[in-house]
Amino acid sequence: MPSVYDVKPKFQALLRPAVGALARAGVTANQVTIAAVVLSFAAGAVLVAKAGHPRWLFLLPAVLLVRMALNAIDGMLAREHNQKSARGAVLNELGDVFSDAALYAPLALWPGFSPVFVVAIVFLASATEMTGVVAIQIGAARRYDGPLGKSDRALLFGVLGLLLGLGVPAGRWLTVVQGLAIVLLLQTVWNRAKNALKEARP
C-alpha cells in the first residue's frame, strides 16, 4: 500500500551532506535519537500547558518535520558511518513509540479531539510499530507497510495541527478524521502482520 515512507530515499538524499558533516563532528546516531525523544516530550508538555490555544498547534507540523529529519539522520549515521549497535536499535524503536505518545496524547485535552479516539490512536500507533518489529522475530524483515505508518501519521497530524492552528474550526470533520485514522491503523497492523507471515514462510 502507498505510504509516505516510499519517499524516504529522496528525503535521505537531501540530508546526506548534513549527515556527513555531523559524523565528522563526532555526533552519534544515539545522540540524535535521544534528541528527537527530548524534542517530542518538550513539545508534548507545551501542548498540555497550552491546550485550547489554537496557535500552539503549529508546534505539531514543525516538530514532526524536525523529528522526521532526525529519525532519518540517526538511521543514516548508523548505516553509513559504522554506528550500528544493539543499544541503538533499542533506542530507535522505543524512541519512536515514546515520541509518538508524547506528541499525540496531549491532543486528548484539546477541543474537537475525542479523548477516547486519541487514546485509541496512541495505542494502535504503538501496536503498528510492535507488529513491524515482531516480523524480525519470525524471520522476516522489519515491516514498514502502510497505510498509516510513522511517517504517514506525522503527515496526518502535521496537517491537522496546521489547519487548526490557522483557525479552521474543529467540528464533525475532525471526529471523522480521528475515526478514519483508527481504521487505517488497524489496517496497518493487519498488513504488517500478513506480509511478515508471508515473508517468513519457507
N, C-alpha and C. Protein backbone atom coordinates (compact mmCIF):
# COMPACT_ATOMS: atom_id res chain seq x y z
N MET A 1 0.83 -1.19 0.00
CA MET A 1 0.00 0.00 0.00
C MET A 1 0.88 1.25 0.00
N PRO A 2 0.50 2.29 -0.75
CA PRO A 2 1.31 3.50 -0.81
C PRO A 2 1.48 4.11 0.58
N SER A 3 2.65 4.69 0.82
CA SER A 3 2.96 5.27 2.11
C SER A 3 3.95 6.41 1.93
N VAL A 4 3.92 7.37 2.85
CA VAL A 4 4.91 8.45 2.85
C VAL A 4 6.31 7.86 2.95
N TYR A 5 6.40 6.68 3.57
CA TYR A 5 7.69 6.01 3.74
C TYR A 5 8.36 5.75 2.39
N ASP A 6 7.56 5.69 1.31
CA ASP A 6 8.11 5.40 -0.02
C ASP A 6 9.01 6.52 -0.53
N VAL A 7 8.84 7.75 -0.01
CA VAL A 7 9.67 8.87 -0.48
C VAL A 7 10.91 9.06 0.40
N LYS A 8 11.10 8.15 1.35
CA LYS A 8 12.22 8.28 2.28
C LYS A 8 13.58 8.36 1.59
N PRO A 9 13.85 7.56 0.55
CA PRO A 9 15.17 7.65 -0.10
C PRO A 9 15.49 9.05 -0.62
N LYS A 10 14.50 9.75 -1.18
CA LYS A 10 14.73 11.11 -1.68
C LYS A 10 15.00 12.08 -0.52
N PHE A 11 14.28 11.90 0.56
CA PHE A 11 14.47 12.73 1.76
C PHE A 11 15.88 12.51 2.31
N GLN A 12 16.30 11.26 2.33
CA GLN A 12 17.64 10.94 2.83
C GLN A 12 18.72 11.56 1.95
N ALA A 13 18.49 11.57 0.65
CA ALA A 13 19.47 12.15 -0.27
C ALA A 13 19.69 13.63 0.02
N LEU A 14 18.61 14.32 0.37
CA LEU A 14 18.72 15.74 0.70
C LEU A 14 19.52 15.96 1.99
N LEU A 15 19.39 15.00 2.92
CA LEU A 15 20.04 15.14 4.22
C LEU A 15 21.48 14.63 4.24
N ARG A 16 21.88 13.88 3.22
CA ARG A 16 23.18 13.20 3.26
C ARG A 16 24.36 14.14 3.50
N PRO A 17 24.43 15.31 2.86
CA PRO A 17 25.57 16.21 3.17
C PRO A 17 25.61 16.62 4.64
N ALA A 18 24.46 16.91 5.24
CA ALA A 18 24.42 17.29 6.65
C ALA A 18 24.83 16.12 7.54
N VAL A 19 24.41 14.91 7.15
CA VAL A 19 24.77 13.72 7.93
C VAL A 19 26.28 13.53 7.93
N GLY A 20 26.89 13.72 6.78
CA GLY A 20 28.34 13.59 6.70
C GLY A 20 29.05 14.60 7.61
N ALA A 21 28.53 15.82 7.62
CA ALA A 21 29.13 16.86 8.47
C ALA A 21 28.98 16.51 9.95
N LEU A 22 27.81 15.98 10.33
CA LEU A 22 27.58 15.58 11.72
C LEU A 22 28.52 14.45 12.13
N ALA A 23 28.70 13.48 11.23
CA ALA A 23 29.59 12.36 11.53
C ALA A 23 31.02 12.85 11.74
N ARG A 24 31.46 13.78 10.88
CA ARG A 24 32.83 14.32 11.02
C ARG A 24 32.98 15.13 12.32
N ALA A 25 31.86 15.70 12.79
CA ALA A 25 31.90 16.48 14.03
C ALA A 25 31.81 15.60 15.27
N GLY A 26 31.64 14.29 15.07
CA GLY A 26 31.60 13.38 16.20
C GLY A 26 30.22 13.13 16.78
N VAL A 27 29.19 13.59 16.11
CA VAL A 27 27.82 13.36 16.57
C VAL A 27 27.45 11.91 16.30
N THR A 28 26.82 11.25 17.27
CA THR A 28 26.48 9.84 17.12
C THR A 28 24.99 9.66 16.82
N ALA A 29 24.67 8.51 16.25
CA ALA A 29 23.28 8.18 15.95
C ALA A 29 22.43 8.17 17.21
N ASN A 30 22.97 7.62 18.30
CA ASN A 30 22.21 7.55 19.55
C ASN A 30 21.92 8.94 20.11
N GLN A 31 22.85 9.86 19.96
CA GLN A 31 22.62 11.23 20.43
C GLN A 31 21.47 11.88 19.65
N VAL A 32 21.42 11.62 18.36
CA VAL A 32 20.35 12.17 17.53
C VAL A 32 19.01 11.56 17.92
N THR A 33 19.00 10.25 18.17
CA THR A 33 17.77 9.57 18.59
C THR A 33 17.24 10.17 19.89
N ILE A 34 18.12 10.36 20.85
CA ILE A 34 17.72 10.92 22.15
C ILE A 34 17.23 12.36 21.98
N ALA A 35 17.87 13.12 21.10
CA ALA A 35 17.44 14.50 20.85
C ALA A 35 16.01 14.53 20.32
N ALA A 36 15.67 13.57 19.44
CA ALA A 36 14.31 13.51 18.89
C ALA A 36 13.29 13.21 19.98
N VAL A 37 13.64 12.33 20.91
CA VAL A 37 12.73 11.99 22.02
C VAL A 37 12.54 13.20 22.93
N VAL A 38 13.64 13.86 23.28
CA VAL A 38 13.56 15.03 24.16
C VAL A 38 12.71 16.13 23.51
N LEU A 39 12.92 16.36 22.22
CA LEU A 39 12.13 17.36 21.50
C LEU A 39 10.65 17.03 21.55
N SER A 40 10.30 15.74 21.35
CA SER A 40 8.90 15.33 21.34
C SER A 40 8.25 15.52 22.71
N PHE A 41 8.97 15.16 23.76
CA PHE A 41 8.41 15.33 25.11
C PHE A 41 8.27 16.80 25.47
N ALA A 42 9.23 17.62 25.06
CA ALA A 42 9.14 19.05 25.33
C ALA A 42 7.94 19.66 24.61
N ALA A 43 7.75 19.28 23.35
CA ALA A 43 6.61 19.79 22.59
C ALA A 43 5.30 19.29 23.19
N GLY A 44 5.27 18.02 23.61
CA GLY A 44 4.07 17.48 24.25
C GLY A 44 3.71 18.23 25.52
N ALA A 45 4.71 18.60 26.31
CA ALA A 45 4.47 19.35 27.54
C ALA A 45 3.87 20.72 27.23
N VAL A 46 4.36 21.34 26.17
CA VAL A 46 3.80 22.64 25.77
C VAL A 46 2.35 22.48 25.32
N LEU A 47 2.06 21.42 24.57
CA LEU A 47 0.69 21.20 24.10
C LEU A 47 -0.27 20.95 25.27
N VAL A 48 0.23 20.33 26.33
CA VAL A 48 -0.59 20.15 27.53
C VAL A 48 -0.83 21.50 28.20
N ALA A 49 0.23 22.28 28.36
CA ALA A 49 0.13 23.56 29.07
C ALA A 49 -0.71 24.57 28.30
N LYS A 50 -0.70 24.49 26.97
CA LYS A 50 -1.38 25.49 26.14
C LYS A 50 -2.65 24.93 25.50
N ALA A 51 -3.20 23.87 26.05
CA ALA A 51 -4.41 23.25 25.48
C ALA A 51 -5.51 24.28 25.30
N GLY A 52 -6.08 24.32 24.10
CA GLY A 52 -7.17 25.24 23.84
C GLY A 52 -6.74 26.53 23.16
N HIS A 53 -5.44 26.75 22.99
CA HIS A 53 -4.93 27.94 22.31
C HIS A 53 -4.43 27.51 20.93
N PRO A 54 -5.27 27.67 19.90
CA PRO A 54 -5.01 27.08 18.58
C PRO A 54 -3.64 27.35 18.00
N ARG A 55 -3.10 28.55 18.19
CA ARG A 55 -1.81 28.88 17.58
C ARG A 55 -0.70 27.93 18.00
N TRP A 56 -0.82 27.37 19.18
CA TRP A 56 0.23 26.46 19.65
C TRP A 56 0.23 25.14 18.91
N LEU A 57 -0.84 24.88 18.15
CA LEU A 57 -0.87 23.65 17.36
C LEU A 57 0.08 23.71 16.16
N PHE A 58 0.60 24.90 15.87
CA PHE A 58 1.64 24.98 14.84
C PHE A 58 2.88 24.20 15.26
N LEU A 59 3.00 23.93 16.56
CA LEU A 59 4.11 23.10 17.03
C LEU A 59 4.11 21.72 16.38
N LEU A 60 2.92 21.18 16.16
CA LEU A 60 2.83 19.81 15.62
C LEU A 60 3.54 19.67 14.28
N PRO A 61 3.16 20.45 13.24
CA PRO A 61 3.86 20.27 11.97
C PRO A 61 5.35 20.59 12.06
N ALA A 62 5.69 21.61 12.85
CA ALA A 62 7.10 21.99 12.97
C ALA A 62 7.92 20.88 13.62
N VAL A 63 7.45 20.38 14.76
CA VAL A 63 8.19 19.36 15.50
C VAL A 63 8.20 18.04 14.74
N LEU A 64 7.09 17.70 14.11
CA LEU A 64 7.03 16.44 13.37
C LEU A 64 7.99 16.46 12.17
N LEU A 65 8.12 17.61 11.52
CA LEU A 65 9.06 17.70 10.39
C LEU A 65 10.49 17.55 10.89
N VAL A 66 10.82 18.25 11.98
CA VAL A 66 12.17 18.14 12.54
C VAL A 66 12.44 16.72 13.00
N ARG A 67 11.43 16.10 13.63
CA ARG A 67 11.62 14.73 14.12
C ARG A 67 11.83 13.75 12.98
N MET A 68 11.10 13.93 11.88
CA MET A 68 11.30 13.06 10.72
C MET A 68 12.73 13.18 10.20
N ALA A 69 13.24 14.42 10.19
CA ALA A 69 14.61 14.63 9.75
C ALA A 69 15.60 13.95 10.70
N LEU A 70 15.37 14.11 11.99
CA LEU A 70 16.26 13.49 12.99
C LEU A 70 16.22 11.97 12.89
N ASN A 71 15.04 11.42 12.66
CA ASN A 71 14.92 9.96 12.53
C ASN A 71 15.68 9.45 11.30
N ALA A 72 15.60 10.22 10.22
CA ALA A 72 16.35 9.83 9.02
C ALA A 72 17.86 9.95 9.27
N ILE A 73 18.25 11.01 9.97
CA ILE A 73 19.67 11.25 10.23
C ILE A 73 20.27 10.15 11.11
N ASP A 74 19.54 9.76 12.18
CA ASP A 74 20.12 8.74 13.06
C ASP A 74 20.29 7.41 12.32
N GLY A 75 19.35 7.08 11.45
CA GLY A 75 19.47 5.85 10.67
C GLY A 75 20.64 5.89 9.71
N MET A 76 20.83 7.04 9.07
CA MET A 76 21.92 7.17 8.11
C MET A 76 23.29 7.16 8.81
N LEU A 77 23.35 7.79 9.98
CA LEU A 77 24.59 7.74 10.75
C LEU A 77 24.93 6.30 11.13
N ALA A 78 23.91 5.55 11.52
CA ALA A 78 24.12 4.16 11.93
C ALA A 78 24.57 3.30 10.75
N ARG A 79 23.87 3.43 9.62
CA ARG A 79 24.14 2.55 8.48
C ARG A 79 25.38 2.97 7.68
N GLU A 80 25.51 4.26 7.46
CA GLU A 80 26.52 4.73 6.53
C GLU A 80 27.82 5.18 7.20
N HIS A 81 27.82 5.26 8.52
CA HIS A 81 29.02 5.72 9.23
C HIS A 81 29.41 4.76 10.36
N ASN A 82 29.05 3.50 10.15
CA ASN A 82 29.51 2.43 11.05
C ASN A 82 29.16 2.67 12.52
N GLN A 83 27.91 3.07 12.77
CA GLN A 83 27.50 3.33 14.15
C GLN A 83 26.37 2.40 14.60
N LYS A 84 26.15 1.31 13.87
CA LYS A 84 25.10 0.37 14.26
C LYS A 84 25.46 -0.27 15.59
N SER A 85 24.44 -0.43 16.46
CA SER A 85 24.66 -1.10 17.74
C SER A 85 23.34 -1.64 18.25
N ALA A 86 23.43 -2.62 19.14
CA ALA A 86 22.21 -3.17 19.74
C ALA A 86 21.49 -2.10 20.55
N ARG A 87 22.27 -1.30 21.28
CA ARG A 87 21.67 -0.21 22.07
C ARG A 87 20.94 0.78 21.17
N GLY A 88 21.55 1.06 20.03
CA GLY A 88 20.93 2.00 19.10
C GLY A 88 19.62 1.47 18.55
N ALA A 89 19.57 0.17 18.26
CA ALA A 89 18.34 -0.43 17.74
C ALA A 89 17.21 -0.33 18.76
N VAL A 90 17.54 -0.58 20.03
CA VAL A 90 16.53 -0.49 21.09
C VAL A 90 16.08 0.96 21.27
N LEU A 91 17.04 1.87 21.31
CA LEU A 91 16.72 3.30 21.45
C LEU A 91 15.83 3.78 20.31
N ASN A 92 16.13 3.34 19.11
CA ASN A 92 15.40 3.78 17.94
C ASN A 92 13.94 3.34 18.00
N GLU A 93 13.72 2.07 18.29
CA GLU A 93 12.34 1.55 18.32
C GLU A 93 11.54 2.13 19.47
N LEU A 94 12.12 2.13 20.67
CA LEU A 94 11.40 2.67 21.82
C LEU A 94 11.22 4.18 21.70
N GLY A 95 12.24 4.84 21.16
CA GLY A 95 12.15 6.29 21.00
C GLY A 95 10.99 6.70 20.12
N ASP A 96 10.77 5.96 19.03
CA ASP A 96 9.65 6.27 18.13
C ASP A 96 8.31 6.13 18.85
N VAL A 97 8.16 5.06 19.60
CA VAL A 97 6.89 4.81 20.30
C VAL A 97 6.63 5.88 21.36
N PHE A 98 7.66 6.16 22.16
CA PHE A 98 7.50 7.17 23.22
C PHE A 98 7.27 8.56 22.63
N SER A 99 7.96 8.87 21.55
CA SER A 99 7.82 10.19 20.94
C SER A 99 6.42 10.38 20.36
N ASP A 100 5.90 9.35 19.69
CA ASP A 100 4.53 9.42 19.18
C ASP A 100 3.54 9.68 20.31
N ALA A 101 3.68 8.92 21.38
CA ALA A 101 2.77 9.06 22.52
C ALA A 101 2.87 10.47 23.12
N ALA A 102 4.09 10.96 23.25
CA ALA A 102 4.30 12.28 23.85
C ALA A 102 3.68 13.39 23.02
N LEU A 103 3.68 13.24 21.70
CA LEU A 103 3.15 14.28 20.83
C LEU A 103 1.64 14.19 20.62
N TYR A 104 1.12 12.97 20.54
CA TYR A 104 -0.29 12.80 20.19
C TYR A 104 -1.22 12.73 21.40
N ALA A 105 -0.76 12.14 22.50
CA ALA A 105 -1.63 12.00 23.67
C ALA A 105 -2.15 13.35 24.20
N PRO A 106 -1.35 14.42 24.22
CA PRO A 106 -1.87 15.71 24.71
C PRO A 106 -3.08 16.23 23.95
N LEU A 107 -3.29 15.75 22.72
CA LEU A 107 -4.43 16.22 21.93
C LEU A 107 -5.76 15.82 22.56
N ALA A 108 -5.73 14.83 23.45
CA ALA A 108 -6.96 14.43 24.16
C ALA A 108 -7.51 15.59 24.98
N LEU A 109 -6.67 16.57 25.31
CA LEU A 109 -7.10 17.72 26.11
C LEU A 109 -7.61 18.87 25.25
N TRP A 110 -7.47 18.75 23.95
CA TRP A 110 -7.82 19.86 23.06
C TRP A 110 -9.27 19.76 22.57
N PRO A 111 -9.97 20.90 22.50
CA PRO A 111 -11.33 20.90 21.97
C PRO A 111 -11.38 20.34 20.55
N GLY A 112 -12.38 19.52 20.29
CA GLY A 112 -12.54 18.93 18.96
C GLY A 112 -11.97 17.54 18.85
N PHE A 113 -11.04 17.20 19.75
CA PHE A 113 -10.47 15.86 19.75
C PHE A 113 -11.20 14.99 20.77
N SER A 114 -11.50 13.76 20.37
CA SER A 114 -12.14 12.82 21.28
C SER A 114 -11.06 12.14 22.12
N PRO A 115 -11.12 12.27 23.47
CA PRO A 115 -10.12 11.59 24.31
C PRO A 115 -10.06 10.09 24.04
N VAL A 116 -11.20 9.47 23.82
CA VAL A 116 -11.24 8.03 23.56
C VAL A 116 -10.53 7.71 22.25
N PHE A 117 -10.81 8.50 21.22
CA PHE A 117 -10.18 8.27 19.93
C PHE A 117 -8.68 8.52 20.00
N VAL A 118 -8.27 9.57 20.70
CA VAL A 118 -6.85 9.88 20.81
C VAL A 118 -6.10 8.75 21.51
N VAL A 119 -6.68 8.24 22.60
CA VAL A 119 -6.05 7.12 23.32
C VAL A 119 -5.96 5.90 22.40
N ALA A 120 -7.03 5.65 21.64
CA ALA A 120 -7.02 4.50 20.71
C ALA A 120 -5.95 4.68 19.65
N ILE A 121 -5.79 5.90 19.15
CA ILE A 121 -4.77 6.17 18.13
C ILE A 121 -3.38 5.94 18.68
N VAL A 122 -3.12 6.43 19.90
CA VAL A 122 -1.81 6.25 20.52
C VAL A 122 -1.53 4.76 20.73
N PHE A 123 -2.53 4.03 21.22
CA PHE A 123 -2.37 2.59 21.45
C PHE A 123 -2.08 1.86 20.15
N LEU A 124 -2.87 2.15 19.11
CA LEU A 124 -2.71 1.44 17.85
C LEU A 124 -1.42 1.85 17.13
N ALA A 125 -1.00 3.09 17.32
CA ALA A 125 0.28 3.51 16.74
C ALA A 125 1.41 2.67 17.33
N SER A 126 1.34 2.44 18.64
CA SER A 126 2.34 1.57 19.29
C SER A 126 2.24 0.14 18.75
N ALA A 127 1.01 -0.31 18.53
CA ALA A 127 0.81 -1.67 18.03
C ALA A 127 1.38 -1.85 16.62
N THR A 128 1.26 -0.81 15.78
CA THR A 128 1.82 -0.93 14.43
C THR A 128 3.34 -1.12 14.48
N GLU A 129 3.99 -0.36 15.38
CA GLU A 129 5.46 -0.47 15.47
C GLU A 129 5.86 -1.82 16.08
N MET A 130 5.09 -2.29 17.06
CA MET A 130 5.38 -3.59 17.64
C MET A 130 5.23 -4.69 16.59
N THR A 131 4.21 -4.59 15.77
CA THR A 131 4.00 -5.58 14.72
C THR A 131 5.15 -5.57 13.72
N GLY A 132 5.63 -4.36 13.40
CA GLY A 132 6.77 -4.26 12.49
C GLY A 132 8.01 -4.93 13.04
N VAL A 133 8.24 -4.78 14.35
CA VAL A 133 9.42 -5.37 14.99
C VAL A 133 9.27 -6.88 15.16
N VAL A 134 8.06 -7.33 15.48
CA VAL A 134 7.82 -8.76 15.67
C VAL A 134 8.14 -9.54 14.39
N ALA A 135 8.02 -8.87 13.24
CA ALA A 135 8.35 -9.53 11.98
C ALA A 135 9.77 -10.09 12.00
N ILE A 136 10.69 -9.36 12.62
CA ILE A 136 12.08 -9.82 12.69
C ILE A 136 12.16 -11.12 13.49
N GLN A 137 11.34 -11.19 14.54
CA GLN A 137 11.38 -12.36 15.43
C GLN A 137 10.98 -13.64 14.72
N ILE A 138 10.15 -13.52 13.67
CA ILE A 138 9.70 -14.73 12.97
C ILE A 138 10.49 -14.95 11.68
N GLY A 139 11.57 -14.20 11.50
CA GLY A 139 12.43 -14.44 10.36
C GLY A 139 12.18 -13.58 9.15
N ALA A 140 11.31 -12.57 9.27
CA ALA A 140 11.04 -11.65 8.16
C ALA A 140 11.82 -10.36 8.40
N ALA A 141 11.77 -9.45 7.42
CA ALA A 141 12.40 -8.15 7.58
C ALA A 141 11.49 -7.25 8.42
N ARG A 142 12.08 -6.24 9.02
CA ARG A 142 11.29 -5.23 9.75
C ARG A 142 10.26 -4.64 8.78
N ARG A 143 8.97 -4.68 9.17
CA ARG A 143 7.91 -4.25 8.26
C ARG A 143 7.59 -2.77 8.46
N TYR A 144 7.41 -2.07 7.33
CA TYR A 144 7.07 -0.65 7.35
C TYR A 144 5.81 -0.38 6.54
N ASP A 145 4.99 -1.41 6.31
CA ASP A 145 3.81 -1.25 5.47
C ASP A 145 2.87 -0.16 6.01
N GLY A 146 2.14 0.45 5.07
CA GLY A 146 1.10 1.43 5.41
C GLY A 146 -0.23 0.73 5.59
N PRO A 147 -1.30 1.51 5.56
CA PRO A 147 -1.39 2.89 5.08
C PRO A 147 -1.10 3.98 6.12
N LEU A 148 -0.90 3.65 7.41
CA LEU A 148 -0.69 4.70 8.39
C LEU A 148 0.49 4.36 9.29
N GLY A 149 1.66 4.28 8.66
CA GLY A 149 2.88 4.08 9.41
C GLY A 149 3.33 5.38 10.06
N LYS A 150 4.53 5.36 10.62
CA LYS A 150 5.04 6.50 11.38
C LYS A 150 5.06 7.79 10.56
N SER A 151 5.59 7.72 9.35
CA SER A 151 5.67 8.92 8.50
C SER A 151 4.29 9.41 8.08
N ASP A 152 3.38 8.46 7.81
CA ASP A 152 2.02 8.83 7.42
C ASP A 152 1.29 9.50 8.58
N ARG A 153 1.51 8.99 9.80
CA ARG A 153 0.89 9.62 10.98
C ARG A 153 1.43 11.04 11.17
N ALA A 154 2.73 11.20 10.94
CA ALA A 154 3.32 12.52 11.08
C ALA A 154 2.68 13.50 10.09
N LEU A 155 2.49 13.04 8.85
CA LEU A 155 1.85 13.90 7.85
C LEU A 155 0.42 14.25 8.26
N LEU A 156 -0.34 13.24 8.69
CA LEU A 156 -1.73 13.46 9.09
C LEU A 156 -1.83 14.47 10.23
N PHE A 157 -1.08 14.25 11.31
CA PHE A 157 -1.20 15.14 12.46
C PHE A 157 -0.54 16.50 12.20
N GLY A 158 0.46 16.52 11.33
CA GLY A 158 1.04 17.80 10.94
C GLY A 158 0.03 18.67 10.21
N VAL A 159 -0.72 18.06 9.29
CA VAL A 159 -1.75 18.79 8.55
C VAL A 159 -2.87 19.25 9.50
N LEU A 160 -3.28 18.37 10.42
CA LEU A 160 -4.31 18.76 11.39
C LEU A 160 -3.84 19.94 12.23
N GLY A 161 -2.60 19.88 12.71
CA GLY A 161 -2.07 20.98 13.50
C GLY A 161 -2.04 22.27 12.71
N LEU A 162 -1.67 22.18 11.44
CA LEU A 162 -1.61 23.36 10.59
C LEU A 162 -2.99 23.96 10.37
N LEU A 163 -3.96 23.10 10.04
CA LEU A 163 -5.33 23.59 9.80
C LEU A 163 -5.93 24.24 11.04
N LEU A 164 -5.83 23.56 12.16
CA LEU A 164 -6.42 24.08 13.39
C LEU A 164 -5.66 25.31 13.87
N GLY A 165 -4.36 25.32 13.68
CA GLY A 165 -3.57 26.49 14.06
C GLY A 165 -3.94 27.71 13.25
N LEU A 166 -4.33 27.49 11.98
CA LEU A 166 -4.75 28.59 11.11
C LEU A 166 -6.15 29.08 11.41
N GLY A 167 -6.84 28.39 12.32
CA GLY A 167 -8.17 28.85 12.73
C GLY A 167 -9.32 28.10 12.11
N VAL A 168 -9.05 27.01 11.39
CA VAL A 168 -10.15 26.20 10.85
C VAL A 168 -10.93 25.61 12.03
N PRO A 169 -12.24 25.85 12.11
CA PRO A 169 -13.00 25.37 13.27
C PRO A 169 -13.01 23.85 13.38
N ALA A 170 -12.78 23.35 14.58
CA ALA A 170 -12.92 21.91 14.82
C ALA A 170 -14.41 21.57 14.79
N GLY A 171 -14.74 20.46 14.19
CA GLY A 171 -16.14 20.06 14.10
C GLY A 171 -16.25 18.58 13.83
N ARG A 172 -17.34 18.20 13.21
CA ARG A 172 -17.57 16.78 12.94
C ARG A 172 -16.48 16.21 12.04
N TRP A 173 -15.95 17.04 11.16
CA TRP A 173 -14.90 16.55 10.25
C TRP A 173 -13.70 16.00 11.02
N LEU A 174 -13.38 16.65 12.16
CA LEU A 174 -12.24 16.21 12.94
C LEU A 174 -12.51 14.86 13.60
N THR A 175 -13.75 14.66 14.02
CA THR A 175 -14.12 13.35 14.59
C THR A 175 -14.02 12.27 13.52
N VAL A 176 -14.48 12.60 12.31
CA VAL A 176 -14.41 11.64 11.20
C VAL A 176 -12.96 11.29 10.89
N VAL A 177 -12.08 12.29 10.89
CA VAL A 177 -10.66 12.05 10.60
C VAL A 177 -10.05 11.13 11.66
N GLN A 178 -10.40 11.37 12.93
CA GLN A 178 -9.88 10.51 14.01
C GLN A 178 -10.37 9.08 13.86
N GLY A 179 -11.65 8.93 13.52
CA GLY A 179 -12.19 7.59 13.31
C GLY A 179 -11.53 6.89 12.14
N LEU A 180 -11.30 7.65 11.07
CA LEU A 180 -10.63 7.08 9.90
C LEU A 180 -9.20 6.67 10.24
N ALA A 181 -8.53 7.48 11.07
CA ALA A 181 -7.16 7.14 11.48
C ALA A 181 -7.13 5.81 12.22
N ILE A 182 -8.13 5.56 13.06
CA ILE A 182 -8.19 4.30 13.79
C ILE A 182 -8.37 3.13 12.82
N VAL A 183 -9.24 3.29 11.84
CA VAL A 183 -9.45 2.24 10.84
C VAL A 183 -8.16 1.97 10.07
N LEU A 184 -7.47 3.04 9.67
CA LEU A 184 -6.23 2.88 8.90
C LEU A 184 -5.11 2.27 9.74
N LEU A 185 -5.09 2.58 11.03
CA LEU A 185 -4.10 1.96 11.91
C LEU A 185 -4.35 0.46 12.05
N LEU A 186 -5.61 0.09 12.18
CA LEU A 186 -5.94 -1.33 12.23
C LEU A 186 -5.52 -2.03 10.93
N GLN A 187 -5.75 -1.36 9.80
CA GLN A 187 -5.35 -1.92 8.51
C GLN A 187 -3.83 -2.05 8.44
N THR A 188 -3.12 -1.10 9.03
CA THR A 188 -1.65 -1.14 9.03
C THR A 188 -1.14 -2.33 9.84
N VAL A 189 -1.73 -2.55 11.01
CA VAL A 189 -1.34 -3.71 11.82
C VAL A 189 -1.58 -4.99 11.02
N TRP A 190 -2.74 -5.07 10.38
CA TRP A 190 -3.08 -6.26 9.60
C TRP A 190 -2.09 -6.46 8.45
N ASN A 191 -1.80 -5.39 7.72
CA ASN A 191 -0.88 -5.50 6.58
C ASN A 191 0.51 -5.94 7.02
N ARG A 192 0.99 -5.38 8.11
CA ARG A 192 2.33 -5.74 8.58
C ARG A 192 2.39 -7.19 9.04
N ALA A 193 1.36 -7.60 9.77
CA ALA A 193 1.33 -8.99 10.25
C ALA A 193 1.20 -9.96 9.07
N LYS A 194 0.31 -9.65 8.14
CA LYS A 194 0.08 -10.53 6.99
C LYS A 194 1.34 -10.66 6.14
N ASN A 195 1.98 -9.54 5.84
CA ASN A 195 3.16 -9.57 4.98
C ASN A 195 4.37 -10.19 5.67
N ALA A 196 4.46 -10.01 6.99
CA ALA A 196 5.55 -10.66 7.75
C ALA A 196 5.39 -12.17 7.71
N LEU A 197 4.18 -12.63 7.91
CA LEU A 197 3.92 -14.08 7.88
C LEU A 197 4.17 -14.65 6.49
N LYS A 198 3.78 -13.91 5.48
CA LYS A 198 4.00 -14.35 4.10
C LYS A 198 5.50 -14.45 3.80
N GLU A 199 6.26 -13.46 4.26
CA GLU A 199 7.69 -13.45 4.00
C GLU A 199 8.42 -14.54 4.79
N ALA A 200 7.90 -14.86 5.98
CA ALA A 200 8.59 -15.81 6.84
C ALA A 200 8.35 -17.26 6.43
N ARG A 201 7.36 -17.50 5.58
CA ARG A 201 7.06 -18.87 5.16
C ARG A 201 8.22 -19.43 4.34
N PRO A 202 8.58 -20.72 4.56
CA PRO A 202 9.65 -21.35 3.77
C PRO A 202 9.29 -21.33 2.28
